[in-house]
Amino acid sequence: MAAFDLQEQEQLAQLKGWWQDWGRYLAAVLAAVLIGFIGWQGWQAWQRHVHEKAGAEFIALQDVVADPAKFKAQLDKLKSDYTSTPYASRGAMIAAQQAYTLGKLQDARAELKWVIDHSGESVLRDLARLRQAGIALDEKKFDEALSLAKAPEETSFSAVFAETRGDAYLLKGDKGAARDAYQQALAKTNKEMPNYRLIEFKLHAAGAQ
């Protein structure tokens, strides 16, 4: 019994020694983990709150789409207060489409550039680049269009980017490069897709046999 007590006392002494050496460090680590967990939970809650608010502002933006002054004011608020949310970029895309329809190409370009610079979604950035390239083609800025349609972030856009490059080369007068681009587009397009025939037509227009 005495031997057991002695052994127990030795183990207790070792435990105390270990705690003196490592206890504070362990407590600090556990505290940091706990603080990090609480912080993460708080961050997620805050993010949900921000997205809910941004969603409400986006709905408000859609409600005033027919009023240019109110639409601009609401869009500016959405872009400044909720820049990182998907709603801000979608609002800018709507504004770009409106501006393009009205023939305000520079305003459309500005909104599309905002999306490219600020959107966290690669799909929206690719779509904005495509629309920028389309405007560049309208303005006969073929080299700029080629630069914008050089390569997508999303592989699902590869075909339409290649088709846009083909359009730019064809309008520029470089039929050889246009054929190459259209062939790339066809290779990445399902034959059942409606635009497959259109790309074939463009390929023949570029001199393909």
N, C-alpha and C. Protein backbone atom coordinates (compact mmCIF):
# COMPACT_ATOMS: atom_id res chain seq x y z
N MET A 1 0.83 -1.20 0.00
CA MET A 1 0.00 0.00 0.00
C MET A 1 0.86 1.24 0.00
N ALA A 2 1.91 1.21 0.83
CA ALA A 2 2.83 2.35 0.92
C ALA A 2 3.54 2.54 -0.40
N ALA A 3 3.90 1.38 -1.03
CA ALA A 3 4.57 1.44 -2.33
C ALA A 3 3.66 2.07 -3.37
N PHE A 4 2.38 1.70 -3.29
CA PHE A 4 1.41 2.27 -4.23
C PHE A 4 1.27 3.77 -4.01
N ASP A 5 1.21 4.18 -2.76
CA ASP A 5 1.11 5.60 -2.45
C ASP A 5 2.32 6.35 -2.95
N LEU A 6 3.49 5.74 -2.79
CA LEU A 6 4.72 6.38 -3.25
C LEU A 6 4.71 6.52 -4.77
N GLN A 7 4.30 5.45 -5.44
CA GLN A 7 4.22 5.50 -6.91
C GLN A 7 3.22 6.56 -7.36
N GLU A 8 2.10 6.62 -6.68
CA GLU A 8 1.07 7.59 -7.02
C GLU A 8 1.59 9.01 -6.82
N GLN A 9 2.34 9.20 -5.72
CA GLN A 9 2.91 10.52 -5.44
C GLN A 9 3.93 10.92 -6.50
N GLU A 10 4.71 9.94 -6.96
CA GLU A 10 5.69 10.22 -8.00
C GLU A 10 5.00 10.64 -9.31
N GLN A 11 3.92 9.92 -9.65
CA GLN A 11 3.16 10.25 -10.86
C GLN A 11 2.54 11.64 -10.75
N LEU A 12 2.03 11.94 -9.56
CA LEU A 12 1.43 13.25 -9.33
C LEU A 12 2.48 14.34 -9.45
N ALA A 13 3.67 14.07 -8.93
CA ALA A 13 4.75 15.04 -9.01
C ALA A 13 5.16 15.26 -10.47
N GLN A 14 5.20 14.15 -11.24
CA GLN A 14 5.54 14.27 -12.66
C GLN A 14 4.49 15.08 -13.41
N LEU A 15 3.22 14.82 -13.06
CA LEU A 15 2.13 15.55 -13.70
C LEU A 15 2.21 17.03 -13.39
N LYS A 16 2.51 17.34 -12.14
CA LYS A 16 2.65 18.75 -11.75
C LYS A 16 3.80 19.40 -12.49
N GLY A 17 4.90 18.64 -12.62
CA GLY A 17 6.05 19.18 -13.33
C GLY A 17 5.73 19.42 -14.80
N TRP A 18 5.02 18.46 -15.38
CA TRP A 18 4.63 18.61 -16.80
C TRP A 18 3.71 19.82 -16.96
N TRP A 19 2.78 19.97 -16.05
CA TRP A 19 1.84 21.09 -16.14
C TRP A 19 2.56 22.43 -16.00
N GLN A 20 3.56 22.47 -15.11
CA GLN A 20 4.33 23.70 -14.95
C GLN A 20 5.07 24.05 -16.24
N ASP A 21 5.55 22.99 -16.91
CA ASP A 21 6.31 23.23 -18.15
C ASP A 21 5.40 23.55 -19.34
N TRP A 22 4.27 22.84 -19.43
CA TRP A 22 3.44 22.91 -20.63
C TRP A 22 2.01 23.40 -20.40
N GLY A 23 1.60 23.47 -19.19
CA GLY A 23 0.20 23.80 -18.91
C GLY A 23 -0.21 25.15 -19.45
N ARG A 24 0.62 26.15 -19.22
CA ARG A 24 0.25 27.49 -19.70
C ARG A 24 0.19 27.54 -21.23
N TYR A 25 1.14 26.84 -21.84
CA TYR A 25 1.15 26.80 -23.31
C TYR A 25 -0.11 26.12 -23.83
N LEU A 26 -0.47 24.98 -23.20
CA LEU A 26 -1.66 24.26 -23.62
C LEU A 26 -2.91 25.11 -23.41
N ALA A 27 -2.98 25.79 -22.29
CA ALA A 27 -4.13 26.65 -22.01
C ALA A 27 -4.23 27.76 -23.05
N ALA A 28 -3.08 28.31 -23.44
CA ALA A 28 -3.07 29.38 -24.44
C ALA A 28 -3.55 28.86 -25.79
N VAL A 29 -3.09 27.64 -26.14
CA VAL A 29 -3.51 27.05 -27.41
C VAL A 29 -5.01 26.80 -27.41
N LEU A 30 -5.52 26.23 -26.33
CA LEU A 30 -6.95 25.96 -26.24
C LEU A 30 -7.76 27.25 -26.29
N ALA A 31 -7.24 28.28 -25.63
CA ALA A 31 -7.93 29.57 -25.65
C ALA A 31 -7.94 30.15 -27.06
N ALA A 32 -6.82 30.00 -27.77
CA ALA A 32 -6.74 30.52 -29.14
C ALA A 32 -7.70 29.78 -30.05
N VAL A 33 -7.79 28.45 -29.87
CA VAL A 33 -8.72 27.65 -30.67
C VAL A 33 -10.15 28.07 -30.40
N LEU A 34 -10.46 28.27 -29.12
CA LEU A 34 -11.81 28.68 -28.74
C LEU A 34 -12.15 30.05 -29.31
N ILE A 35 -11.21 30.98 -29.19
CA ILE A 35 -11.43 32.33 -29.72
C ILE A 35 -11.60 32.27 -31.24
N GLY A 36 -10.76 31.43 -31.89
CA GLY A 36 -10.86 31.29 -33.34
C GLY A 36 -12.21 30.73 -33.76
N PHE A 37 -12.69 29.74 -33.00
CA PHE A 37 -13.98 29.13 -33.33
C PHE A 37 -15.11 30.15 -33.16
N ILE A 38 -15.07 30.88 -32.04
CA ILE A 38 -16.09 31.90 -31.80
C ILE A 38 -16.02 32.98 -32.88
N GLY A 39 -14.78 33.36 -33.23
CA GLY A 39 -14.60 34.37 -34.27
C GLY A 39 -15.13 33.91 -35.61
N TRP A 40 -14.88 32.64 -35.94
CA TRP A 40 -15.37 32.08 -37.21
C TRP A 40 -16.88 32.04 -37.25
N GLN A 41 -17.48 31.64 -36.13
CA GLN A 41 -18.93 31.61 -36.05
C GLN A 41 -19.50 33.02 -36.23
N GLY A 42 -18.83 33.98 -35.57
CA GLY A 42 -19.27 35.37 -35.70
C GLY A 42 -19.12 35.89 -37.11
N TRP A 43 -18.00 35.51 -37.76
CA TRP A 43 -17.76 35.93 -39.14
C TRP A 43 -18.82 35.38 -40.08
N GLN A 44 -19.17 34.11 -39.89
CA GLN A 44 -20.20 33.51 -40.74
C GLN A 44 -21.55 34.19 -40.54
N ALA A 45 -21.86 34.49 -39.28
CA ALA A 45 -23.13 35.17 -38.99
C ALA A 45 -23.15 36.56 -39.63
N TRP A 46 -22.00 37.24 -39.55
CA TRP A 46 -21.91 38.59 -40.14
C TRP A 46 -22.04 38.51 -41.65
N GLN A 47 -21.40 37.50 -42.26
CA GLN A 47 -21.49 37.32 -43.71
C GLN A 47 -22.93 37.06 -44.14
N ARG A 48 -23.63 36.24 -43.39
CA ARG A 48 -25.04 35.98 -43.71
C ARG A 48 -25.86 37.25 -43.63
N HIS A 49 -25.56 38.05 -42.61
CA HIS A 49 -26.28 39.32 -42.44
C HIS A 49 -26.02 40.25 -43.62
N VAL A 50 -24.75 40.35 -44.02
CA VAL A 50 -24.38 41.21 -45.14
C VAL A 50 -25.06 40.75 -46.43
N HIS A 51 -25.07 39.46 -46.68
CA HIS A 51 -25.68 38.94 -47.91
C HIS A 51 -27.19 39.16 -47.91
N GLU A 52 -27.81 39.04 -46.74
CA GLU A 52 -29.25 39.30 -46.66
C GLU A 52 -29.55 40.76 -46.96
N LYS A 53 -28.72 41.66 -46.41
CA LYS A 53 -28.90 43.09 -46.66
C LYS A 53 -28.66 43.41 -48.13
N ALA A 54 -27.60 42.82 -48.69
CA ALA A 54 -27.28 43.06 -50.10
C ALA A 54 -28.40 42.54 -51.00
N GLY A 55 -28.97 41.39 -50.64
CA GLY A 55 -30.08 40.85 -51.42
C GLY A 55 -31.28 41.78 -51.42
N ALA A 56 -31.55 42.38 -50.26
CA ALA A 56 -32.66 43.33 -50.17
C ALA A 56 -32.39 44.57 -51.01
N GLU A 57 -31.13 45.02 -51.01
CA GLU A 57 -30.77 46.20 -51.82
C GLU A 57 -30.86 45.87 -53.31
N PHE A 58 -30.53 44.64 -53.69
CA PHE A 58 -30.62 44.24 -55.09
C PHE A 58 -32.08 44.21 -55.55
N ILE A 59 -32.97 43.73 -54.70
CA ILE A 59 -34.40 43.75 -55.02
C ILE A 59 -34.87 45.19 -55.20
N ALA A 60 -34.39 46.07 -54.30
CA ALA A 60 -34.75 47.49 -54.41
C ALA A 60 -34.23 48.08 -55.72
N LEU A 61 -33.05 47.62 -56.16
CA LEU A 61 -32.48 48.08 -57.43
C LEU A 61 -33.38 47.68 -58.60
N GLN A 62 -33.84 46.45 -58.58
CA GLN A 62 -34.71 45.97 -59.66
C GLN A 62 -36.04 46.72 -59.69
N ASP A 63 -36.48 47.16 -58.52
CA ASP A 63 -37.76 47.89 -58.44
C ASP A 63 -37.69 49.27 -59.09
N VAL A 64 -36.47 49.84 -59.21
CA VAL A 64 -36.35 51.20 -59.76
C VAL A 64 -35.62 51.19 -61.10
N VAL A 65 -35.58 50.03 -61.76
CA VAL A 65 -34.82 49.90 -63.00
C VAL A 65 -35.33 50.83 -64.10
N ALA A 66 -36.59 51.22 -64.03
CA ALA A 66 -37.16 52.10 -65.06
C ALA A 66 -36.93 53.58 -64.77
N ASP A 67 -36.35 53.88 -63.61
CA ASP A 67 -36.08 55.28 -63.23
C ASP A 67 -34.57 55.49 -63.19
N PRO A 68 -33.98 56.08 -64.23
CA PRO A 68 -32.52 56.19 -64.33
C PRO A 68 -31.85 56.81 -63.10
N ALA A 69 -32.41 57.90 -62.57
CA ALA A 69 -31.79 58.58 -61.43
C ALA A 69 -31.81 57.70 -60.18
N LYS A 70 -32.96 57.12 -59.90
CA LYS A 70 -33.07 56.25 -58.72
C LYS A 70 -32.24 54.98 -58.89
N PHE A 71 -32.22 54.47 -60.12
CA PHE A 71 -31.45 53.26 -60.39
C PHE A 71 -29.97 53.51 -60.14
N LYS A 72 -29.45 54.64 -60.62
CA LYS A 72 -28.04 54.95 -60.43
C LYS A 72 -27.70 55.10 -58.95
N ALA A 73 -28.57 55.80 -58.22
CA ALA A 73 -28.33 56.01 -56.79
C ALA A 73 -28.32 54.67 -56.04
N GLN A 74 -29.26 53.82 -56.38
CA GLN A 74 -29.35 52.51 -55.71
C GLN A 74 -28.17 51.63 -56.09
N LEU A 75 -27.75 51.69 -57.36
CA LEU A 75 -26.60 50.90 -57.80
C LEU A 75 -25.33 51.37 -57.11
N ASP A 76 -25.15 52.68 -57.01
CA ASP A 76 -23.97 53.22 -56.33
C ASP A 76 -23.92 52.74 -54.88
N LYS A 77 -25.06 52.71 -54.22
CA LYS A 77 -25.13 52.24 -52.84
C LYS A 77 -24.77 50.76 -52.75
N LEU A 78 -25.31 49.98 -53.66
CA LEU A 78 -25.04 48.54 -53.67
C LEU A 78 -23.57 48.26 -53.91
N LYS A 79 -22.97 48.99 -54.85
CA LYS A 79 -21.56 48.78 -55.19
C LYS A 79 -20.62 49.26 -54.10
N SER A 80 -20.98 50.33 -53.41
CA SER A 80 -20.09 50.88 -52.38
C SER A 80 -20.22 50.15 -51.05
N ASP A 81 -21.44 49.78 -50.68
CA ASP A 81 -21.67 49.16 -49.37
C ASP A 81 -21.53 47.64 -49.39
N TYR A 82 -21.73 47.03 -50.55
CA TYR A 82 -21.73 45.56 -50.63
C TYR A 82 -20.88 45.08 -51.80
N THR A 83 -19.71 45.70 -51.94
CA THR A 83 -18.82 45.43 -53.07
C THR A 83 -18.53 43.95 -53.27
N SER A 84 -18.25 43.24 -52.19
CA SER A 84 -17.79 41.86 -52.29
C SER A 84 -18.91 40.84 -52.51
N THR A 85 -20.15 41.30 -52.50
CA THR A 85 -21.26 40.35 -52.67
C THR A 85 -21.58 40.12 -54.15
N PRO A 86 -22.18 38.98 -54.48
CA PRO A 86 -22.57 38.72 -55.87
C PRO A 86 -23.60 39.71 -56.38
N TYR A 87 -24.38 40.29 -55.47
CA TYR A 87 -25.45 41.20 -55.89
C TYR A 87 -24.91 42.48 -56.52
N ALA A 88 -23.79 42.97 -56.00
CA ALA A 88 -23.21 44.20 -56.55
C ALA A 88 -22.79 43.99 -58.00
N SER A 89 -22.14 42.87 -58.28
CA SER A 89 -21.70 42.57 -59.65
C SER A 89 -22.88 42.35 -60.58
N ARG A 90 -23.92 41.70 -60.08
CA ARG A 90 -25.10 41.50 -60.92
C ARG A 90 -25.80 42.83 -61.21
N GLY A 91 -25.80 43.71 -60.24
CA GLY A 91 -26.36 45.05 -60.47
C GLY A 91 -25.58 45.79 -61.55
N ALA A 92 -24.25 45.66 -61.49
CA ALA A 92 -23.40 46.32 -62.49
C ALA A 92 -23.63 45.72 -63.88
N MET A 93 -23.87 44.42 -63.96
CA MET A 93 -24.15 43.79 -65.25
C MET A 93 -25.47 44.30 -65.83
N ILE A 94 -26.47 44.48 -64.98
CA ILE A 94 -27.74 45.04 -65.44
C ILE A 94 -27.53 46.46 -65.97
N ALA A 95 -26.74 47.23 -65.23
CA ALA A 95 -26.46 48.61 -65.64
C ALA A 95 -25.72 48.64 -66.98
N ALA A 96 -24.79 47.71 -67.16
CA ALA A 96 -24.03 47.64 -68.41
C ALA A 96 -24.95 47.33 -69.59
N GLN A 97 -25.88 46.41 -69.39
CA GLN A 97 -26.82 46.05 -70.45
C GLN A 97 -27.72 47.24 -70.80
N GLN A 98 -28.17 47.95 -69.77
CA GLN A 98 -29.00 49.13 -70.01
C GLN A 98 -28.24 50.18 -70.81
N ALA A 99 -27.01 50.45 -70.39
CA ALA A 99 -26.20 51.46 -71.06
C ALA A 99 -25.94 51.06 -72.52
N TYR A 100 -25.65 49.78 -72.75
CA TYR A 100 -25.40 49.31 -74.12
C TYR A 100 -26.64 49.48 -74.99
N THR A 101 -27.79 49.15 -74.44
CA THR A 101 -29.05 49.28 -75.18
C THR A 101 -29.32 50.72 -75.58
N LEU A 102 -28.90 51.65 -74.72
CA LEU A 102 -29.10 53.07 -74.99
C LEU A 102 -27.98 53.66 -75.84
N GLY A 103 -27.01 52.82 -76.23
CA GLY A 103 -25.91 53.30 -77.04
C GLY A 103 -24.82 54.01 -76.26
N LYS A 104 -24.86 53.91 -74.94
CA LYS A 104 -23.85 54.55 -74.09
C LYS A 104 -22.73 53.54 -73.84
N LEU A 105 -21.89 53.37 -74.85
CA LEU A 105 -20.90 52.31 -74.81
C LEU A 105 -19.84 52.50 -73.73
N GLN A 106 -19.44 53.74 -73.49
CA GLN A 106 -18.43 53.98 -72.46
C GLN A 106 -18.97 53.69 -71.07
N ASP A 107 -20.24 54.03 -70.85
CA ASP A 107 -20.86 53.70 -69.56
C ASP A 107 -20.95 52.18 -69.39
N ALA A 108 -21.29 51.50 -70.47
CA ALA A 108 -21.35 50.03 -70.41
C ALA A 108 -19.98 49.45 -70.11
N ARG A 109 -18.97 49.99 -70.77
CA ARG A 109 -17.59 49.53 -70.53
C ARG A 109 -17.20 49.72 -69.07
N ALA A 110 -17.56 50.88 -68.50
CA ALA A 110 -17.19 51.18 -67.11
C ALA A 110 -17.81 50.18 -66.14
N GLU A 111 -19.07 49.84 -66.37
CA GLU A 111 -19.74 48.88 -65.49
C GLU A 111 -19.13 47.48 -65.64
N LEU A 112 -18.82 47.10 -66.87
CA LEU A 112 -18.22 45.79 -67.10
C LEU A 112 -16.82 45.70 -66.49
N LYS A 113 -16.07 46.79 -66.57
CA LYS A 113 -14.74 46.81 -65.95
C LYS A 113 -14.86 46.68 -64.44
N TRP A 114 -15.89 47.30 -63.87
CA TRP A 114 -16.11 47.19 -62.42
C TRP A 114 -16.32 45.73 -62.05
N VAL A 115 -17.10 45.02 -62.84
CA VAL A 115 -17.34 43.60 -62.57
C VAL A 115 -16.03 42.81 -62.66
N ILE A 116 -15.25 43.06 -63.69
CA ILE A 116 -13.97 42.36 -63.87
C ILE A 116 -13.05 42.61 -62.69
N ASP A 117 -13.04 43.84 -62.20
CA ASP A 117 -12.14 44.22 -61.11
C ASP A 117 -12.62 43.78 -59.73
N HIS A 118 -13.94 43.65 -59.54
CA HIS A 118 -14.47 43.44 -58.20
C HIS A 118 -15.20 42.13 -57.97
N SER A 119 -15.70 41.50 -59.00
CA SER A 119 -16.50 40.29 -58.79
C SER A 119 -15.65 39.13 -58.27
N GLY A 120 -16.21 38.39 -57.34
CA GLY A 120 -15.55 37.21 -56.82
C GLY A 120 -15.92 35.95 -57.59
N GLU A 121 -16.72 36.11 -58.64
CA GLU A 121 -17.19 34.96 -59.42
C GLU A 121 -16.53 34.95 -60.80
N SER A 122 -15.79 33.90 -61.08
CA SER A 122 -15.08 33.82 -62.35
C SER A 122 -16.04 33.80 -63.54
N VAL A 123 -17.21 33.22 -63.36
CA VAL A 123 -18.19 33.18 -64.45
C VAL A 123 -18.62 34.59 -64.84
N LEU A 124 -18.88 35.42 -63.85
CA LEU A 124 -19.28 36.80 -64.14
C LEU A 124 -18.14 37.59 -64.76
N ARG A 125 -16.91 37.34 -64.27
CA ARG A 125 -15.76 38.04 -64.85
C ARG A 125 -15.59 37.66 -66.32
N ASP A 126 -15.74 36.38 -66.62
CA ASP A 126 -15.65 35.93 -68.02
C ASP A 126 -16.75 36.55 -68.87
N LEU A 127 -17.95 36.58 -68.35
CA LEU A 127 -19.08 37.15 -69.08
C LEU A 127 -18.85 38.64 -69.34
N ALA A 128 -18.31 39.33 -68.35
CA ALA A 128 -18.02 40.76 -68.51
C ALA A 128 -16.94 40.98 -69.57
N ARG A 129 -15.93 40.11 -69.60
CA ARG A 129 -14.88 40.23 -70.62
C ARG A 129 -15.46 40.00 -72.02
N LEU A 130 -16.34 39.02 -72.13
CA LEU A 130 -16.97 38.76 -73.43
C LEU A 130 -17.76 39.96 -73.92
N ARG A 131 -18.51 40.57 -73.02
CA ARG A 131 -19.31 41.73 -73.41
C ARG A 131 -18.41 42.93 -73.72
N GLN A 132 -17.32 43.05 -72.98
CA GLN A 132 -16.34 44.10 -73.31
C GLN A 132 -15.78 43.86 -74.71
N ALA A 133 -15.47 42.61 -75.00
CA ALA A 133 -14.93 42.27 -76.33
C ALA A 133 -15.95 42.58 -77.42
N GLY A 134 -17.23 42.32 -77.15
CA GLY A 134 -18.28 42.63 -78.11
C GLY A 134 -18.37 44.12 -78.40
N ILE A 135 -18.24 44.92 -77.35
CA ILE A 135 -18.25 46.38 -77.53
C ILE A 135 -17.03 46.82 -78.33
N ALA A 136 -15.88 46.21 -78.03
CA ALA A 136 -14.66 46.55 -78.78
C ALA A 136 -14.84 46.23 -80.26
N LEU A 137 -15.51 45.13 -80.58
CA LEU A 137 -15.79 44.80 -81.98
C LEU A 137 -16.70 45.85 -82.61
N ASP A 138 -17.72 46.29 -81.86
CA ASP A 138 -18.61 47.34 -82.36
C ASP A 138 -17.82 48.60 -82.70
N GLU A 139 -16.79 48.87 -81.92
CA GLU A 139 -15.98 50.08 -82.10
C GLU A 139 -14.80 49.85 -83.04
N LYS A 140 -14.76 48.64 -83.64
CA LYS A 140 -13.69 48.26 -84.57
C LYS A 140 -12.31 48.27 -83.90
N LYS A 141 -12.29 47.99 -82.62
CA LYS A 141 -11.03 47.87 -81.87
C LYS A 141 -10.71 46.38 -81.77
N PHE A 142 -10.26 45.83 -82.87
CA PHE A 142 -10.13 44.39 -82.99
C PHE A 142 -9.03 43.80 -82.10
N ASP A 143 -7.92 44.50 -81.98
CA ASP A 143 -6.83 44.00 -81.13
C ASP A 143 -7.26 43.97 -79.66
N GLU A 144 -8.02 44.97 -79.26
CA GLU A 144 -8.52 44.99 -77.88
C GLU A 144 -9.48 43.82 -77.65
N ALA A 145 -10.34 43.56 -78.63
CA ALA A 145 -11.27 42.43 -78.52
C ALA A 145 -10.50 41.11 -78.40
N LEU A 146 -9.44 40.97 -79.18
CA LEU A 146 -8.62 39.75 -79.11
C LEU A 146 -7.98 39.59 -77.75
N SER A 147 -7.53 40.69 -77.18
CA SER A 147 -6.91 40.65 -75.85
C SER A 147 -7.93 40.25 -74.78
N LEU A 148 -9.12 40.81 -74.87
CA LEU A 148 -10.17 40.51 -73.89
C LEU A 148 -10.64 39.06 -73.99
N ALA A 149 -10.64 38.52 -75.21
CA ALA A 149 -11.13 37.15 -75.42
C ALA A 149 -9.99 36.14 -75.51
N LYS A 150 -8.85 36.50 -74.96
CA LYS A 150 -7.67 35.64 -75.09
C LYS A 150 -7.87 34.28 -74.45
N ALA A 151 -8.31 34.26 -73.20
CA ALA A 151 -8.51 32.99 -72.50
C ALA A 151 -9.47 33.18 -71.34
N PRO A 152 -10.45 32.31 -71.20
CA PRO A 152 -11.39 32.42 -70.09
C PRO A 152 -10.83 31.81 -68.81
N GLU A 153 -11.39 32.20 -67.69
CA GLU A 153 -11.05 31.55 -66.43
C GLU A 153 -11.79 30.22 -66.32
N GLU A 154 -13.01 30.18 -66.84
CA GLU A 154 -13.83 28.98 -66.79
C GLU A 154 -13.75 28.25 -68.14
N THR A 155 -13.43 26.97 -68.11
CA THR A 155 -13.29 26.21 -69.36
C THR A 155 -14.61 26.13 -70.14
N SER A 156 -15.72 26.27 -69.44
CA SER A 156 -17.02 26.21 -70.12
C SER A 156 -17.20 27.38 -71.09
N PHE A 157 -16.37 28.42 -70.95
CA PHE A 157 -16.45 29.57 -71.85
C PHE A 157 -15.45 29.47 -73.00
N SER A 158 -14.69 28.39 -73.07
CA SER A 158 -13.63 28.28 -74.08
C SER A 158 -14.15 28.42 -75.50
N ALA A 159 -15.29 27.79 -75.80
CA ALA A 159 -15.83 27.83 -77.16
C ALA A 159 -16.24 29.23 -77.57
N VAL A 160 -16.98 29.91 -76.71
CA VAL A 160 -17.46 31.24 -77.07
C VAL A 160 -16.32 32.26 -77.10
N PHE A 161 -15.30 32.07 -76.28
CA PHE A 161 -14.12 32.93 -76.35
C PHE A 161 -13.42 32.73 -77.69
N ALA A 162 -13.27 31.46 -78.11
CA ALA A 162 -12.63 31.17 -79.40
C ALA A 162 -13.45 31.75 -80.54
N GLU A 163 -14.76 31.62 -80.47
CA GLU A 163 -15.63 32.19 -81.51
C GLU A 163 -15.47 33.71 -81.59
N THR A 164 -15.37 34.35 -80.43
CA THR A 164 -15.19 35.82 -80.41
C THR A 164 -13.86 36.21 -81.02
N ARG A 165 -12.82 35.42 -80.74
CA ARG A 165 -11.53 35.69 -81.38
C ARG A 165 -11.64 35.52 -82.90
N GLY A 166 -12.39 34.50 -83.32
CA GLY A 166 -12.60 34.31 -84.76
C GLY A 166 -13.28 35.51 -85.38
N ASP A 167 -14.29 36.05 -84.70
CA ASP A 167 -14.99 37.24 -85.21
C ASP A 167 -14.02 38.40 -85.35
N ALA A 168 -13.17 38.58 -84.33
CA ALA A 168 -12.22 39.69 -84.36
C ALA A 168 -11.23 39.54 -85.51
N TYR A 169 -10.70 38.33 -85.68
CA TYR A 169 -9.75 38.10 -86.78
C TYR A 169 -10.42 38.29 -88.13
N LEU A 170 -11.65 37.80 -88.27
CA LEU A 170 -12.35 37.92 -89.55
C LEU A 170 -12.60 39.38 -89.90
N LEU A 171 -13.06 40.15 -88.92
CA LEU A 171 -13.31 41.58 -89.16
C LEU A 171 -12.01 42.34 -89.40
N LYS A 172 -10.94 41.82 -88.84
CA LYS A 172 -9.63 42.44 -89.02
C LYS A 172 -9.04 42.10 -90.39
N GLY A 173 -9.59 41.06 -91.03
CA GLY A 173 -9.11 40.67 -92.35
C GLY A 173 -8.13 39.52 -92.34
N ASP A 174 -7.90 38.92 -91.16
CA ASP A 174 -6.97 37.80 -91.05
C ASP A 174 -7.78 36.50 -91.08
N LYS A 175 -8.08 36.03 -92.30
CA LYS A 175 -8.96 34.87 -92.45
C LYS A 175 -8.32 33.58 -91.94
N GLY A 176 -7.01 33.46 -92.08
CA GLY A 176 -6.33 32.26 -91.61
C GLY A 176 -6.48 32.10 -90.10
N ALA A 177 -6.22 33.18 -89.37
CA ALA A 177 -6.36 33.13 -87.91
C ALA A 177 -7.82 32.95 -87.52
N ALA A 178 -8.72 33.54 -88.31
CA ALA A 178 -10.16 33.38 -88.03
C ALA A 178 -10.57 31.92 -88.16
N ARG A 179 -10.08 31.26 -89.22
CA ARG A 179 -10.42 29.83 -89.41
C ARG A 179 -9.92 29.00 -88.23
N ASP A 180 -8.70 29.26 -87.80
CA ASP A 180 -8.15 28.52 -86.66
C ASP A 180 -9.02 28.70 -85.42
N ALA A 181 -9.42 29.94 -85.17
CA ALA A 181 -10.23 30.23 -83.98
C ALA A 181 -11.61 29.56 -84.08
N TYR A 182 -12.22 29.63 -85.25
CA TYR A 182 -13.54 29.00 -85.42
C TYR A 182 -13.46 27.48 -85.30
N GLN A 183 -12.37 26.90 -85.80
CA GLN A 183 -12.19 25.45 -85.66
C GLN A 183 -12.04 25.06 -84.19
N GLN A 184 -11.33 25.90 -83.43
CA GLN A 184 -11.22 25.66 -81.99
C GLN A 184 -12.59 25.74 -81.33
N ALA A 185 -13.38 26.71 -81.76
CA ALA A 185 -14.72 26.88 -81.20
C ALA A 185 -15.60 25.67 -81.51
N LEU A 186 -15.53 25.19 -82.76
CA LEU A 186 -16.33 24.02 -83.15
C LEU A 186 -15.93 22.78 -82.36
N ALA A 187 -14.63 22.63 -82.14
CA ALA A 187 -14.12 21.46 -81.41
C ALA A 187 -14.63 21.42 -79.97
N LYS A 188 -14.97 22.59 -79.44
CA LYS A 188 -15.42 22.68 -78.05
C LYS A 188 -16.93 22.86 -77.93
N THR A 189 -17.64 22.80 -79.07
CA THR A 189 -19.09 23.01 -79.07
C THR A 189 -19.81 21.73 -79.44
N ASN A 190 -20.80 21.37 -78.68
CA ASN A 190 -21.63 20.20 -78.97
C ASN A 190 -22.41 20.44 -80.27
N LYS A 191 -22.42 19.43 -81.13
CA LYS A 191 -23.10 19.57 -82.43
C LYS A 191 -24.60 19.83 -82.29
N GLU A 192 -25.14 19.49 -81.14
CA GLU A 192 -26.57 19.70 -80.91
C GLU A 192 -26.89 21.13 -80.48
N MET A 193 -25.85 21.90 -80.15
CA MET A 193 -26.07 23.28 -79.71
C MET A 193 -26.50 24.15 -80.89
N PRO A 194 -27.43 25.09 -80.66
CA PRO A 194 -27.94 25.94 -81.75
C PRO A 194 -26.86 26.75 -82.47
N ASN A 195 -25.82 27.16 -81.73
CA ASN A 195 -24.81 28.02 -82.35
C ASN A 195 -23.76 27.23 -83.13
N TYR A 196 -23.84 25.90 -83.12
CA TYR A 196 -22.86 25.11 -83.86
C TYR A 196 -22.92 25.44 -85.35
N ARG A 197 -24.13 25.51 -85.90
CA ARG A 197 -24.31 25.84 -87.32
C ARG A 197 -23.80 27.24 -87.63
N LEU A 198 -24.02 28.16 -86.70
CA LEU A 198 -23.57 29.53 -86.92
C LEU A 198 -22.05 29.59 -87.01
N ILE A 199 -21.38 28.85 -86.12
CA ILE A 199 -19.91 28.84 -86.16
C ILE A 199 -19.43 28.21 -87.46
N GLU A 200 -20.11 27.15 -87.92
CA GLU A 200 -19.77 26.54 -89.21
C GLU A 200 -19.91 27.56 -90.34
N PHE A 201 -20.98 28.33 -90.30
CA PHE A 201 -21.20 29.36 -91.32
C PHE A 201 -20.06 30.38 -91.31
N LYS A 202 -19.67 30.79 -90.12
CA LYS A 202 -18.57 31.76 -90.00
C LYS A 202 -17.27 31.15 -90.51
N LEU A 203 -17.07 29.87 -90.22
CA LEU A 203 -15.86 29.19 -90.69
C LEU A 203 -15.80 29.19 -92.21
N HIS A 204 -16.91 28.93 -92.87
CA HIS A 204 -16.95 28.96 -94.34
C HIS A 204 -16.76 30.38 -94.85
N ALA A 205 -17.29 31.36 -94.11
CA ALA A 205 -17.11 32.76 -94.51
C ALA A 205 -15.64 33.16 -94.44
N ALA A 206 -14.90 32.46 -93.56
CA ALA A 206 -13.46 32.74 -93.44
C ALA A 206 -12.64 31.98 -94.48
N GLY A 207 -13.32 31.26 -95.37
CA GLY A 207 -12.62 30.61 -96.48
C GLY A 207 -12.39 29.13 -96.33
N ALA A 208 -12.99 28.50 -95.32
CA ALA A 208 -12.81 27.06 -95.16
C ALA A 208 -13.57 26.32 -96.24
N GLN A 209 -13.01 25.20 -96.69
CA GLN A 209 -13.64 24.39 -97.75
C GLN A 209 -14.59 23.36 -97.13
